[in-house]
């Protein structure tokens, strides 16, 4: 059994845990925004002190932060999916191979609307 299926099963059985992960994702998002807005001048001056080391550290922390937000949202939203749905999905824009950014955005928007309808 994959880790994805284990997490889905656990979050379906314990909806409060899934709600907690959704709340953690929102708190992490707005906490990150608050920290960036309130401390941007200190971080920029720190990055200028030794750019070779500090810039990759800041970029790595931001990537880790985005990964955690995405992970928490996925764990929180797992309780809404059907039982037979697989763990890994993609939206039509990536499967169709459309090179246009406009087509990619409309495919993504259509995918998000379908996901929203499924979760209501």
C-alpha atoms as a PDB file:
ATOM      1  CA  UNK A   1       0.000   0.000   0.000  1.00  0.00           C
ATOM      2  CA  UNK A   2       1.405   3.376  -0.977  1.00  0.00           C
ATOM      3  CA  UNK A   3       1.916   6.280   1.363  1.00  0.00           C
ATOM      4  CA  UNK A   4      -0.666   8.258  -0.594  1.00  0.00           C
ATOM      5  CA  UNK A   5      -3.384   5.678  -0.015  1.00  0.00           C
ATOM      6  CA  UNK A   6      -2.485   5.417   3.667  1.00  0.00           C
ATOM      7  CA  UNK A   7      -2.806   9.186   4.107  1.00  0.00           C
ATOM      8  CA  UNK A   8      -6.093   9.264   2.221  1.00  0.00           C
ATOM      9  CA  UNK A   9      -7.551   6.476   4.323  1.00  0.00           C
ATOM     10  CA  UNK A  10      -6.405   8.070   7.562  1.00  0.00           C
ATOM     11  CA  UNK A  11      -7.735  11.514   6.663  1.00  0.00           C
ATOM     12  CA  UNK A  12     -11.091  10.017   5.629  1.00  0.00           C
ATOM     13  CA  UNK A  13     -11.441   8.213   8.955  1.00  0.00           C
ATOM     14  CA  UNK A  14     -10.282  11.178  11.019  1.00  0.00           C
ATOM     15  CA  UNK A  15     -11.771  14.289   9.433  1.00  0.00           C
ATOM     16  CA  UNK A  16     -10.598  16.520  12.278  1.00  0.00           C
ATOM     17  CA  UNK A  17      -7.001  15.678  11.383  1.00  0.00           C
ATOM     18  CA  UNK A  18      -7.706  16.604   7.751  1.00  0.00           C
ATOM     19  CA  UNK A  19      -9.285  19.866   8.922  1.00  0.00           C
ATOM     20  CA  UNK A  20      -6.203  20.541  11.036  1.00  0.00           C
ATOM     21  CA  UNK A  21      -3.921  20.077   8.030  1.00  0.00           C
ATOM     22  CA  UNK A  22      -6.080  22.441   5.963  1.00  0.00           C
ATOM     23  CA  UNK A  23      -5.889  24.996   8.767  1.00  0.00           C
ATOM     24  CA  UNK A  24      -2.105  24.502   8.991  1.00  0.00           C
ATOM     25  CA  UNK A  25      -1.779  25.179   5.268  1.00  0.00           C
ATOM     26  CA  UNK A  26      -3.735  28.427   5.548  1.00  0.00           C
ATOM     27  CA  UNK A  27      -1.818  29.482   8.675  1.00  0.00           C
ATOM     28  CA  UNK A  28       1.505  28.723   6.971  1.00  0.00           C
ATOM     29  CA  UNK A  29       0.503  30.697   3.878  1.00  0.00           C
ATOM     30  CA  UNK A  30      -0.587  33.797   5.772  1.00  0.00           C
ATOM     31  CA  UNK A  31       2.256  33.457   8.281  1.00  0.00           C
ATOM     32  CA  UNK A  32       4.744  33.422   5.420  1.00  0.00           C
ATOM     33  CA  UNK A  33       3.120  36.470   3.846  1.00  0.00           C
ATOM     34  CA  UNK A  34       3.222  38.310   7.177  1.00  0.00           C
ATOM     35  CA  UNK A  35       6.881  37.463   7.753  1.00  0.00           C
ATOM     36  CA  UNK A  36       7.857  38.498   4.236  1.00  0.00           C
ATOM     37  CA  UNK A  37       6.042  41.837   4.501  1.00  0.00           C
ATOM     38  CA  UNK A  38       7.245  42.640   8.015  1.00  0.00           C
ATOM     39  CA  UNK A  39      10.885  41.557   7.631  1.00  0.00           C
ATOM     40  CA  UNK A  40      11.716  42.096   3.972  1.00  0.00           C
ATOM     41  CA  UNK A  41      14.296  44.853   4.538  1.00  0.00           C
ATOM     42  CA  UNK A  42      16.223  42.814   7.122  1.00  0.00           C
ATOM     43  CA  UNK A  43      16.211  39.729   4.895  1.00  0.00           C
ATOM     44  CA  UNK A  44      17.383  41.698   1.862  1.00  0.00           C
ATOM     45  CA  UNK A  45      20.220  43.306   3.810  1.00  0.00           C
ATOM     46  CA  UNK A  46      21.167  39.863   5.190  1.00  0.00           C
ATOM     47  CA  UNK A  47      21.168  38.442   1.670  1.00  0.00           C
ATOM     48  CA  UNK A  48      23.402  41.284   0.427  1.00  0.00           C
ATOM     49  CA  UNK A  49      25.960  40.569   3.164  1.00  0.00           C
ATOM     50  CA  UNK A  50      26.963  37.238   1.575  1.00  0.00           C
ATOM     51  CA  UNK A  51      24.880  36.646  -1.533  1.00  0.00           C
ATOM     52  CA  UNK A  52      26.602  33.418  -2.568  1.00  0.00           C
ATOM     53  CA  UNK A  53      25.439  31.597   0.556  1.00  0.00           C
ATOM     54  CA  UNK A  54      22.379  33.530   1.725  1.00  0.00           C
ATOM     55  CA  UNK A  55      20.407  33.746  -1.544  1.00  0.00           C
ATOM     56  CA  UNK A  56      20.277  29.934  -2.036  1.00  0.00           C
ATOM     57  CA  UNK A  57      19.275  29.564   1.623  1.00  0.00           C
ATOM     58  CA  UNK A  58      16.357  31.983   1.182  1.00  0.00           C
ATOM     59  CA  UNK A  59      15.282  30.323  -2.074  1.00  0.00           C
ATOM     60  CA  UNK A  60      15.493  26.894  -0.428  1.00  0.00           C
ATOM     61  CA  UNK A  61      13.398  28.037   2.529  1.00  0.00           C
ATOM     62  CA  UNK A  62      10.755  29.468   0.182  1.00  0.00           C
ATOM     63  CA  UNK A  63      10.647  26.239  -1.839  1.00  0.00           C
ATOM     64  CA  UNK A  64      10.320  24.224   1.379  1.00  0.00           C
ATOM     65  CA  UNK A  65       7.534  26.543   2.534  1.00  0.00           C
ATOM     66  CA  UNK A  66       5.620  26.133  -0.737  1.00  0.00           C
ATOM     67  CA  UNK A  67       6.100  22.367  -0.606  1.00  0.00           C
ATOM     68  CA  UNK A  68       4.716  22.216   2.956  1.00  0.00           C
ATOM     69  CA  UNK A  69       1.700  24.344   2.024  1.00  0.00           C
ATOM     70  CA  UNK A  70       0.986  22.077  -0.949  1.00  0.00           C
ATOM     71  CA  UNK A  71       1.473  18.944   1.177  1.00  0.00           C
ATOM     72  CA  UNK A  72      -0.856  20.183   3.922  1.00  0.00           C
ATOM     73  CA  UNK A  73      -3.524  21.133   1.382  1.00  0.00           C
ATOM     74  CA  UNK A  74      -3.315  17.703  -0.252  1.00  0.00           C
ATOM     75  CA  UNK A  75      -3.648  15.897   3.064  1.00  0.00           C
ATOM     76  CA  UNK A  76      -6.549  18.137   4.053  1.00  0.00           C
ATOM     77  CA  UNK A  77      -8.373  17.675   0.752  1.00  0.00           C
ATOM     78  CA  UNK A  78      -7.915  13.890   0.591  1.00  0.00           C
ATOM     79  CA  UNK A  79     -11.137  13.284   2.530  1.00  0.00           C
ATOM     80  CA  UNK A  80     -13.249  14.557  -0.392  1.00  0.00           C
ATOM     81  CA  UNK A  81     -12.032  12.193  -3.113  1.00  0.00           C
ATOM     82  CA  UNK A  82     -13.730   9.051  -4.308  1.00  0.00           C
ATOM     83  CA  UNK A  83     -12.431   5.712  -3.074  1.00  0.00           C
ATOM     84  CA  UNK A  84     -11.387   4.460  -6.519  1.00  0.00           C
ATOM     85  CA  UNK A  85      -9.537   7.623  -7.511  1.00  0.00           C
ATOM     86  CA  UNK A  86      -5.805   7.223  -7.959  1.00  0.00           C
ATOM     87  CA  UNK A  87      -3.187   9.147  -6.073  1.00  0.00           C
ATOM     88  CA  UNK A  88      -1.535  10.996  -8.921  1.00  0.00           C
ATOM     89  CA  UNK A  89      -3.503  13.138 -11.362  1.00  0.00           C
ATOM     90  CA  UNK A  90      -2.750  15.819 -13.864  1.00  0.00           C
ATOM     91  CA  UNK A  91      -4.927  18.333 -15.632  1.00  0.00           C
ATOM     92  CA  UNK A  92      -5.710  18.367 -19.323  1.00  0.00           C
ATOM     93  CA  UNK A  93      -3.234  21.118 -20.156  1.00  0.00           C
ATOM     94  CA  UNK A  94      -0.265  18.913 -19.328  1.00  0.00           C
ATOM     95  CA  UNK A  95      -1.626  15.851 -21.126  1.00  0.00           C
ATOM     96  CA  UNK A  96      -2.670  17.596 -24.307  1.00  0.00           C
ATOM     97  CA  UNK A  97       0.765  19.055 -24.986  1.00  0.00           C
ATOM     98  CA  UNK A  98      -0.550  22.507 -25.802  1.00  0.00           C
ATOM     99  CA  UNK A  99       2.323  24.948 -26.027  1.00  0.00           C
ATOM    100  CA  UNK A 100       0.260  28.098 -25.609  1.00  0.00           C
ATOM    101  CA  UNK A 101       0.183  29.709 -22.182  1.00  0.00           C
ATOM    102  CA  UNK A 102      -3.430  30.810 -22.760  1.00  0.00           C
ATOM    103  CA  UNK A 103      -4.558  27.250 -23.513  1.00  0.00           C
ATOM    104  CA  UNK A 104      -2.643  25.972 -20.505  1.00  0.00           C
ATOM    105  CA  UNK A 105      -4.344  28.518 -18.230  1.00  0.00           C
ATOM    106  CA  UNK A 106      -7.843  27.777 -19.551  1.00  0.00           C
ATOM    107  CA  UNK A 107      -7.243  24.028 -19.164  1.00  0.00           C
ATOM    108  CA  UNK A 108      -6.074  24.577 -15.588  1.00  0.00           C
ATOM    109  CA  UNK A 109      -9.071  26.811 -14.856  1.00  0.00           C
ATOM    110  CA  UNK A 110     -11.473  24.207 -16.262  1.00  0.00           C
ATOM    111  CA  UNK A 111      -9.752  21.528 -14.162  1.00  0.00           C
ATOM    112  CA  UNK A 112     -10.111  23.627 -10.991  1.00  0.00           C
ATOM    113  CA  UNK A 113     -13.803  24.223 -11.716  1.00  0.00           C
ATOM    114  CA  UNK A 114     -14.348  20.478 -12.099  1.00  0.00           C
ATOM    115  CA  UNK A 115     -12.497  19.803  -8.847  1.00  0.00           C
ATOM    116  CA  UNK A 116     -14.638  22.448  -7.125  1.00  0.00           C
ATOM    117  CA  UNK A 117     -17.834  20.844  -8.362  1.00  0.00           C
ATOM    118  CA  UNK A 118     -16.681  17.418  -7.236  1.00  0.00           C
ATOM    119  CA  UNK A 119     -15.989  18.642  -3.688  1.00  0.00           C
ATOM    120  CA  UNK A 120     -19.343  20.318  -3.125  1.00  0.00           C
END
